[in-house]
């Protein structure tokens, strides 16, 4: 998993600030891409392992994580 912070999220530039805010709020959650233009993954550490989510769009991944963590969904448009 590529863990570098993207300077530009292809097709979803409006999600870059949201990704930065999420990383700041939840440092244990690792978010990265599976290559340029590939899917996004989030790895959430747990006591006995980890949970991994994969989505093709960063917005979808961040929405899923927000729902899981009890945060309001992003109200922006795609």
C-alpha atoms as a PDB file:
ATOM      1  CA  UNK A   1       0.000   0.000   0.000  1.00  0.00           C
ATOM      2  CA  UNK A   2       1.417   3.417  -0.960  1.00  0.00           C
ATOM      3  CA  UNK A   3       1.228   5.586   2.163  1.00  0.00           C
ATOM      4  CA  UNK A   4       2.491   8.852   0.673  1.00  0.00           C
ATOM      5  CA  UNK A   5       0.128  11.773   0.936  1.00  0.00           C
ATOM      6  CA  UNK A   6      -1.256  12.656  -2.467  1.00  0.00           C
ATOM      7  CA  UNK A   7      -0.571  16.135  -3.753  1.00  0.00           C
ATOM      8  CA  UNK A   8      -3.508  15.721  -6.099  1.00  0.00           C
ATOM      9  CA  UNK A   9      -6.260  13.167  -5.889  1.00  0.00           C
ATOM     10  CA  UNK A  10      -7.058  12.269  -9.477  1.00  0.00           C
ATOM     11  CA  UNK A  11     -10.687  13.103 -10.232  1.00  0.00           C
ATOM     12  CA  UNK A  12     -11.479  14.104  -6.641  1.00  0.00           C
ATOM     13  CA  UNK A  13      -9.429  17.194  -5.734  1.00  0.00           C
ATOM     14  CA  UNK A  14     -12.166  18.305  -3.322  1.00  0.00           C
ATOM     15  CA  UNK A  15     -11.364  15.281  -1.132  1.00  0.00           C
ATOM     16  CA  UNK A  16      -7.714  16.195  -0.418  1.00  0.00           C
ATOM     17  CA  UNK A  17      -8.555  18.524   2.479  1.00  0.00           C
ATOM     18  CA  UNK A  18     -11.002  15.995   3.858  1.00  0.00           C
ATOM     19  CA  UNK A  19      -8.309  13.296   3.735  1.00  0.00           C
ATOM     20  CA  UNK A  20      -5.844  15.552   5.563  1.00  0.00           C
ATOM     21  CA  UNK A  21      -8.424  16.346   8.252  1.00  0.00           C
ATOM     22  CA  UNK A  22      -9.277  12.656   8.682  1.00  0.00           C
ATOM     23  CA  UNK A  23      -5.606  11.701   9.018  1.00  0.00           C
ATOM     24  CA  UNK A  24      -5.101  14.417  11.644  1.00  0.00           C
ATOM     25  CA  UNK A  25      -8.156  13.285  13.632  1.00  0.00           C
ATOM     26  CA  UNK A  26      -7.400   9.536  13.397  1.00  0.00           C
ATOM     27  CA  UNK A  27      -3.623   8.993  13.219  1.00  0.00           C
ATOM     28  CA  UNK A  28      -3.804   5.203  13.839  1.00  0.00           C
ATOM     29  CA  UNK A  29      -5.924   4.708  10.685  1.00  0.00           C
ATOM     30  CA  UNK A  30      -3.661   4.231   7.665  1.00  0.00           C
ATOM     31  CA  UNK A  31      -5.074   5.423   4.331  1.00  0.00           C
ATOM     32  CA  UNK A  32      -3.332   4.989   0.997  1.00  0.00           C
ATOM     33  CA  UNK A  33      -3.725   4.019  -2.620  1.00  0.00           C
ATOM     34  CA  UNK A  34      -3.044   0.812  -4.467  1.00  0.00           C
ATOM     35  CA  UNK A  35      -1.184   2.734  -7.165  1.00  0.00           C
ATOM     36  CA  UNK A  36      -1.835   5.717  -9.401  1.00  0.00           C
ATOM     37  CA  UNK A  37      -5.501   5.734 -10.363  1.00  0.00           C
ATOM     38  CA  UNK A  38      -6.099   2.583  -8.327  1.00  0.00           C
ATOM     39  CA  UNK A  39      -8.325   1.864  -5.390  1.00  0.00           C
ATOM     40  CA  UNK A  40      -8.024   3.459  -1.961  1.00  0.00           C
ATOM     41  CA  UNK A  41      -7.581   1.418   1.220  1.00  0.00           C
ATOM     42  CA  UNK A  42      -7.921   2.172   4.897  1.00  0.00           C
ATOM     43  CA  UNK A  43      -6.418  -0.044   7.577  1.00  0.00           C
ATOM     44  CA  UNK A  44      -7.926   0.293  11.047  1.00  0.00           C
ATOM     45  CA  UNK A  45      -5.869  -1.357  13.800  1.00  0.00           C
ATOM     46  CA  UNK A  46      -7.756  -3.449  16.326  1.00  0.00           C
ATOM     47  CA  UNK A  47      -6.778  -5.411  19.433  1.00  0.00           C
ATOM     48  CA  UNK A  48      -6.557  -8.725  17.592  1.00  0.00           C
ATOM     49  CA  UNK A  49      -5.652  -7.644  14.072  1.00  0.00           C
ATOM     50  CA  UNK A  50      -7.034  -5.024  11.743  1.00  0.00           C
ATOM     51  CA  UNK A  51      -9.975  -4.146   9.531  1.00  0.00           C
ATOM     52  CA  UNK A  52      -9.328  -3.140   5.918  1.00  0.00           C
ATOM     53  CA  UNK A  53     -11.727  -1.262   3.650  1.00  0.00           C
ATOM     54  CA  UNK A  54     -11.170  -0.776  -0.070  1.00  0.00           C
ATOM     55  CA  UNK A  55     -13.071   1.620  -2.325  1.00  0.00           C
ATOM     56  CA  UNK A  56     -12.357   2.918  -5.821  1.00  0.00           C
ATOM     57  CA  UNK A  57     -13.248   6.496  -4.906  1.00  0.00           C
ATOM     58  CA  UNK A  58     -11.656   8.331  -1.999  1.00  0.00           C
ATOM     59  CA  UNK A  59     -14.999   9.998  -1.236  1.00  0.00           C
ATOM     60  CA  UNK A  60     -16.631   6.582  -0.860  1.00  0.00           C
ATOM     61  CA  UNK A  61     -13.867   5.391   1.454  1.00  0.00           C
ATOM     62  CA  UNK A  62     -14.030   8.496   3.629  1.00  0.00           C
ATOM     63  CA  UNK A  63     -17.836   8.274   3.733  1.00  0.00           C
ATOM     64  CA  UNK A  64     -17.590   4.631   4.879  1.00  0.00           C
ATOM     65  CA  UNK A  65     -15.050   5.517   7.565  1.00  0.00           C
ATOM     66  CA  UNK A  66     -17.169   8.448   8.740  1.00  0.00           C
ATOM     67  CA  UNK A  67     -20.199   6.167   9.073  1.00  0.00           C
ATOM     68  CA  UNK A  68     -18.152   3.583  10.952  1.00  0.00           C
ATOM     69  CA  UNK A  69     -16.740   6.197  13.335  1.00  0.00           C
ATOM     70  CA  UNK A  70     -20.069   7.981  13.853  1.00  0.00           C
ATOM     71  CA  UNK A  71     -19.215  11.169  11.989  1.00  0.00           C
ATOM     72  CA  UNK A  72     -21.535  13.068   9.650  1.00  0.00           C
ATOM     73  CA  UNK A  73     -21.158  12.180   5.947  1.00  0.00           C
ATOM     74  CA  UNK A  74     -19.592  14.598   3.493  1.00  0.00           C
ATOM     75  CA  UNK A  75     -22.286  16.857   2.071  1.00  0.00           C
ATOM     76  CA  UNK A  76     -20.234  17.844  -0.988  1.00  0.00           C
ATOM     77  CA  UNK A  77     -21.020  16.716  -4.480  1.00  0.00           C
ATOM     78  CA  UNK A  78     -19.015  14.298  -6.583  1.00  0.00           C
END
